[in-house]
Amino acid sequence: MANSFGTDILIQAPDPKAAAAFYVNQLGFQITGEMSQMISVHGDNINLFIEKGPALAAVLEVTVPDVEEAKRRLVQSGCEIIKDEPQFPRCYVRDPFGLIYNLTS
């Protein structure tokens, strides 16, 4: 299985601008993009995306060869699909150990 972690991490916050300001002022990130519901802040090694919404644990990105096959296998292994929006595309999975990741191919 040749899966890999991406450099993108997503969080949700009720006030993305306040969250972005924290990461800029406290950790030295730079705002690199703003849309109506999401702010991008990039550092040297990761890209952090802050989406408007209720607080959600950090979402890592995992690249797999086949998203549908991975979803099926992960659910059979005790994972929970917590958000599935193929049109975006995104599929958030919470594994039995609490880690949340977006499956991408």
N, C-alpha and C. Protein backbone atom coordinates (compact mmCIF):
# COMPACT_ATOMS: atom_id res chain seq x y z
N MET A 1 0.85 -1.18 0.00
CA MET A 1 0.00 0.00 0.00
C MET A 1 0.90 1.24 0.00
N ALA A 2 0.80 2.07 -1.01
CA ALA A 2 1.67 3.23 -1.15
C ALA A 2 0.92 4.51 -0.82
N ASN A 3 0.51 4.66 0.42
CA ASN A 3 -0.18 5.86 0.84
C ASN A 3 0.83 6.85 1.40
N SER A 4 0.44 8.12 1.44
CA SER A 4 1.34 9.13 2.00
C SER A 4 0.54 10.25 2.64
N PHE A 5 1.16 10.91 3.61
CA PHE A 5 0.56 12.09 4.20
C PHE A 5 0.89 13.28 3.31
N GLY A 6 -0.07 14.17 3.16
CA GLY A 6 0.16 15.40 2.41
C GLY A 6 0.67 16.49 3.34
N THR A 7 0.91 17.65 2.79
CA THR A 7 1.39 18.79 3.58
C THR A 7 0.23 19.67 4.05
N ASP A 8 -1.01 19.29 3.72
CA ASP A 8 -2.17 20.11 4.07
C ASP A 8 -2.82 19.60 5.35
N ILE A 9 -3.15 20.56 6.22
CA ILE A 9 -3.90 20.28 7.44
C ILE A 9 -5.06 21.26 7.48
N LEU A 10 -6.25 20.78 7.82
CA LEU A 10 -7.43 21.64 7.89
C LEU A 10 -7.98 21.62 9.31
N ILE A 11 -8.39 22.79 9.78
CA ILE A 11 -9.15 22.87 11.02
C ILE A 11 -10.40 23.69 10.72
N GLN A 12 -11.38 23.57 11.56
CA GLN A 12 -12.56 24.42 11.49
C GLN A 12 -12.58 25.30 12.72
N ALA A 13 -13.03 26.53 12.54
CA ALA A 13 -13.14 27.48 13.66
C ALA A 13 -14.34 28.37 13.40
N PRO A 14 -15.05 28.76 14.46
CA PRO A 14 -16.19 29.67 14.28
C PRO A 14 -15.78 31.01 13.65
N ASP A 15 -14.55 31.46 13.95
CA ASP A 15 -14.05 32.73 13.42
C ASP A 15 -12.69 32.48 12.76
N PRO A 16 -12.68 32.11 11.47
CA PRO A 16 -11.41 31.81 10.80
C PRO A 16 -10.40 32.96 10.82
N LYS A 17 -10.87 34.21 10.77
CA LYS A 17 -9.94 35.35 10.78
C LYS A 17 -9.20 35.43 12.12
N ALA A 18 -9.90 35.20 13.22
CA ALA A 18 -9.25 35.22 14.53
C ALA A 18 -8.26 34.06 14.65
N ALA A 19 -8.65 32.90 14.15
CA ALA A 19 -7.74 31.75 14.20
C ALA A 19 -6.51 32.02 13.35
N ALA A 20 -6.70 32.56 12.16
CA ALA A 20 -5.57 32.86 11.29
C ALA A 20 -4.63 33.87 11.94
N ALA A 21 -5.20 34.89 12.57
CA ALA A 21 -4.38 35.89 13.25
C ALA A 21 -3.52 35.26 14.33
N PHE A 22 -4.07 34.29 15.05
CA PHE A 22 -3.30 33.59 16.07
C PHE A 22 -2.09 32.90 15.45
N TYR A 23 -2.32 32.15 14.37
CA TYR A 23 -1.23 31.41 13.75
C TYR A 23 -0.20 32.33 13.09
N VAL A 24 -0.63 33.48 12.60
CA VAL A 24 0.30 34.45 12.04
C VAL A 24 1.12 35.09 13.16
N ASN A 25 0.44 35.58 14.18
CA ASN A 25 1.13 36.32 15.25
C ASN A 25 1.95 35.44 16.18
N GLN A 26 1.48 34.25 16.45
CA GLN A 26 2.16 33.40 17.43
C GLN A 26 3.13 32.40 16.82
N LEU A 27 2.88 31.97 15.58
CA LEU A 27 3.70 30.91 15.00
C LEU A 27 4.39 31.31 13.69
N GLY A 28 4.18 32.54 13.25
CA GLY A 28 4.91 33.03 12.09
C GLY A 28 4.41 32.58 10.73
N PHE A 29 3.18 32.06 10.67
CA PHE A 29 2.61 31.72 9.37
C PHE A 29 2.31 32.99 8.60
N GLN A 30 2.04 32.86 7.31
CA GLN A 30 1.60 33.97 6.49
C GLN A 30 0.25 33.63 5.86
N ILE A 31 -0.67 34.59 5.84
CA ILE A 31 -1.93 34.37 5.14
C ILE A 31 -1.63 34.36 3.64
N THR A 32 -2.04 33.28 2.98
CA THR A 32 -1.74 33.13 1.56
C THR A 32 -3.00 33.07 0.70
N GLY A 33 -4.16 33.05 1.34
CA GLY A 33 -5.40 33.04 0.58
C GLY A 33 -6.60 33.25 1.48
N GLU A 34 -7.59 33.95 0.96
CA GLU A 34 -8.83 34.16 1.70
C GLU A 34 -10.01 33.97 0.76
N MET A 35 -10.93 33.10 1.18
CA MET A 35 -12.20 32.93 0.49
C MET A 35 -13.27 33.24 1.53
N SER A 36 -14.52 33.22 1.15
CA SER A 36 -15.58 33.60 2.08
C SER A 36 -15.65 32.68 3.29
N GLN A 37 -15.35 31.41 3.14
CA GLN A 37 -15.48 30.46 4.24
C GLN A 37 -14.16 29.83 4.67
N MET A 38 -13.02 30.24 4.06
CA MET A 38 -11.76 29.58 4.38
C MET A 38 -10.59 30.54 4.20
N ILE A 39 -9.62 30.41 5.11
CA ILE A 39 -8.38 31.18 5.03
C ILE A 39 -7.23 30.18 4.98
N SER A 40 -6.26 30.45 4.11
CA SER A 40 -5.08 29.61 3.99
C SER A 40 -3.91 30.32 4.65
N VAL A 41 -3.18 29.60 5.47
CA VAL A 41 -1.93 30.12 6.05
C VAL A 41 -0.86 29.07 5.80
N HIS A 42 0.22 29.48 5.17
CA HIS A 42 1.26 28.53 4.81
C HIS A 42 2.52 28.80 5.61
N GLY A 43 3.16 27.71 5.98
CA GLY A 43 4.47 27.77 6.61
C GLY A 43 5.47 27.09 5.71
N ASP A 44 6.67 26.90 6.20
CA ASP A 44 7.72 26.28 5.39
C ASP A 44 7.41 24.82 5.06
N ASN A 45 6.76 24.10 5.98
CA ASN A 45 6.58 22.66 5.80
C ASN A 45 5.14 22.20 5.73
N ILE A 46 4.18 23.04 6.13
CA ILE A 46 2.78 22.64 6.06
C ILE A 46 1.93 23.79 5.55
N ASN A 47 0.77 23.43 5.04
CA ASN A 47 -0.24 24.39 4.62
C ASN A 47 -1.44 24.18 5.53
N LEU A 48 -1.83 25.21 6.25
CA LEU A 48 -2.95 25.13 7.18
C LEU A 48 -4.14 25.85 6.57
N PHE A 49 -5.26 25.17 6.50
CA PHE A 49 -6.49 25.75 5.99
C PHE A 49 -7.47 25.84 7.15
N ILE A 50 -8.05 27.02 7.33
CA ILE A 50 -8.98 27.27 8.44
C ILE A 50 -10.34 27.56 7.82
N GLU A 51 -11.25 26.63 8.04
CA GLU A 51 -12.59 26.71 7.46
C GLU A 51 -13.58 27.17 8.52
N LYS A 52 -14.53 28.00 8.13
CA LYS A 52 -15.57 28.44 9.06
C LYS A 52 -16.46 27.24 9.41
N GLY A 53 -16.66 27.02 10.70
CA GLY A 53 -17.50 25.94 11.16
C GLY A 53 -17.23 25.63 12.61
N PRO A 54 -17.99 24.71 13.17
CA PRO A 54 -17.76 24.33 14.56
C PRO A 54 -16.38 23.69 14.70
N ALA A 55 -15.77 23.90 15.86
CA ALA A 55 -14.43 23.37 16.09
C ALA A 55 -14.38 21.88 15.76
N LEU A 56 -13.38 21.52 15.00
CA LEU A 56 -13.16 20.14 14.59
C LEU A 56 -11.67 19.89 14.78
N ALA A 57 -11.33 18.72 15.27
CA ALA A 57 -9.91 18.39 15.44
C ALA A 57 -9.20 18.55 14.11
N ALA A 58 -7.90 18.69 14.16
CA ALA A 58 -7.12 18.84 12.93
C ALA A 58 -7.40 17.69 11.97
N VAL A 59 -7.50 18.02 10.70
CA VAL A 59 -7.74 17.02 9.66
C VAL A 59 -6.48 16.95 8.81
N LEU A 60 -5.82 15.79 8.84
CA LEU A 60 -4.65 15.56 8.01
C LEU A 60 -5.10 15.08 6.65
N GLU A 61 -4.22 15.13 5.68
CA GLU A 61 -4.54 14.65 4.35
C GLU A 61 -3.76 13.37 4.08
N VAL A 62 -4.46 12.33 3.64
CA VAL A 62 -3.82 11.07 3.30
C VAL A 62 -4.15 10.75 1.85
N THR A 63 -3.13 10.56 1.04
CA THR A 63 -3.29 10.22 -0.37
C THR A 63 -3.29 8.71 -0.52
N VAL A 64 -4.33 8.19 -1.16
CA VAL A 64 -4.47 6.75 -1.39
C VAL A 64 -4.71 6.52 -2.89
N PRO A 65 -4.43 5.31 -3.37
CA PRO A 65 -4.65 5.05 -4.80
C PRO A 65 -6.12 5.09 -5.21
N ASP A 66 -7.03 4.68 -4.31
CA ASP A 66 -8.45 4.57 -4.65
C ASP A 66 -9.28 4.97 -3.43
N VAL A 67 -9.88 6.15 -3.48
CA VAL A 67 -10.62 6.68 -2.33
C VAL A 67 -11.79 5.77 -1.96
N GLU A 68 -12.58 5.33 -2.94
CA GLU A 68 -13.75 4.50 -2.64
C GLU A 68 -13.34 3.18 -1.99
N GLU A 69 -12.29 2.56 -2.47
CA GLU A 69 -11.82 1.31 -1.89
C GLU A 69 -11.31 1.54 -0.47
N ALA A 70 -10.59 2.63 -0.27
CA ALA A 70 -10.07 2.95 1.07
C ALA A 70 -11.22 3.21 2.04
N LYS A 71 -12.25 3.94 1.61
CA LYS A 71 -13.41 4.19 2.47
C LYS A 71 -14.06 2.88 2.90
N ARG A 72 -14.28 1.99 1.94
CA ARG A 72 -14.91 0.71 2.24
C ARG A 72 -14.08 -0.08 3.27
N ARG A 73 -12.80 -0.17 3.01
CA ARG A 73 -11.91 -0.95 3.89
C ARG A 73 -11.82 -0.32 5.28
N LEU A 74 -11.73 1.00 5.35
CA LEU A 74 -11.61 1.68 6.63
C LEU A 74 -12.88 1.54 7.47
N VAL A 75 -14.04 1.69 6.84
CA VAL A 75 -15.30 1.52 7.57
C VAL A 75 -15.41 0.09 8.12
N GLN A 76 -15.02 -0.88 7.31
CA GLN A 76 -15.04 -2.28 7.78
C GLN A 76 -14.07 -2.50 8.95
N SER A 77 -13.08 -1.63 9.06
CA SER A 77 -12.09 -1.76 10.13
C SER A 77 -12.41 -0.88 11.34
N GLY A 78 -13.62 -0.31 11.38
CA GLY A 78 -14.04 0.45 12.56
C GLY A 78 -13.95 1.95 12.43
N CYS A 79 -13.63 2.47 11.26
CA CYS A 79 -13.58 3.92 11.06
C CYS A 79 -14.98 4.47 10.80
N GLU A 80 -15.12 5.77 11.02
CA GLU A 80 -16.39 6.45 10.79
C GLU A 80 -16.19 7.55 9.76
N ILE A 81 -17.04 7.59 8.74
CA ILE A 81 -17.02 8.69 7.78
C ILE A 81 -17.77 9.85 8.44
N ILE A 82 -17.08 10.97 8.69
CA ILE A 82 -17.75 12.08 9.38
C ILE A 82 -18.14 13.20 8.43
N LYS A 83 -17.58 13.22 7.22
CA LYS A 83 -18.00 14.19 6.20
C LYS A 83 -17.61 13.60 4.86
N ASP A 84 -18.56 13.53 3.95
CA ASP A 84 -18.28 13.00 2.62
C ASP A 84 -18.91 13.94 1.60
N GLU A 85 -18.09 14.70 0.92
CA GLU A 85 -18.55 15.67 -0.07
C GLU A 85 -17.74 15.46 -1.35
N PRO A 86 -18.14 14.48 -2.17
CA PRO A 86 -17.38 14.17 -3.38
C PRO A 86 -17.23 15.36 -4.34
N GLN A 87 -18.19 16.28 -4.34
CA GLN A 87 -18.12 17.41 -5.26
C GLN A 87 -17.04 18.41 -4.87
N PHE A 88 -16.56 18.37 -3.60
CA PHE A 88 -15.56 19.36 -3.15
C PHE A 88 -14.17 19.09 -3.68
N PRO A 89 -13.54 17.98 -3.72
CA PRO A 89 -13.83 16.68 -3.12
C PRO A 89 -13.18 16.56 -1.74
N ARG A 90 -13.90 15.91 -0.85
CA ARG A 90 -13.33 15.59 0.46
C ARG A 90 -14.10 14.46 1.10
N CYS A 91 -13.38 13.68 1.87
CA CYS A 91 -13.96 12.59 2.63
C CYS A 91 -13.20 12.49 3.94
N TYR A 92 -13.83 12.97 5.03
CA TYR A 92 -13.19 12.96 6.34
C TYR A 92 -13.52 11.65 7.04
N VAL A 93 -12.49 11.01 7.54
CA VAL A 93 -12.61 9.73 8.23
C VAL A 93 -12.03 9.90 9.63
N ARG A 94 -12.75 9.39 10.64
CA ARG A 94 -12.21 9.34 12.00
C ARG A 94 -11.90 7.88 12.28
N ASP A 95 -10.64 7.60 12.60
CA ASP A 95 -10.27 6.21 12.85
C ASP A 95 -10.54 5.84 14.31
N PRO A 96 -10.42 4.57 14.67
CA PRO A 96 -10.74 4.15 16.04
C PRO A 96 -9.85 4.79 17.11
N PHE A 97 -8.78 5.45 16.70
CA PHE A 97 -7.85 6.06 17.65
C PHE A 97 -8.02 7.58 17.74
N GLY A 98 -9.03 8.12 17.02
CA GLY A 98 -9.37 9.53 17.10
C GLY A 98 -8.75 10.42 16.03
N LEU A 99 -7.86 9.88 15.20
CA LEU A 99 -7.24 10.68 14.16
C LEU A 99 -8.25 10.91 13.03
N ILE A 100 -8.32 12.15 12.54
CA ILE A 100 -9.20 12.49 11.44
C ILE A 100 -8.34 12.83 10.23
N TYR A 101 -8.70 12.27 9.09
CA TYR A 101 -7.97 12.56 7.88
C TYR A 101 -8.91 12.61 6.69
N ASN A 102 -8.48 13.39 5.71
CA ASN A 102 -9.18 13.52 4.45
C ASN A 102 -8.52 12.58 3.45
N LEU A 103 -9.31 11.70 2.87
CA LEU A 103 -8.78 10.79 1.86
C LEU A 103 -8.77 11.50 0.52
N THR A 104 -7.66 11.42 -0.17
CA THR A 104 -7.54 12.01 -1.49
C THR A 104 -6.73 11.06 -2.36
N SER A 105 -6.85 11.22 -3.67
CA SER A 105 -6.06 10.36 -4.56
C SER A 105 -5.23 11.20 -5.50
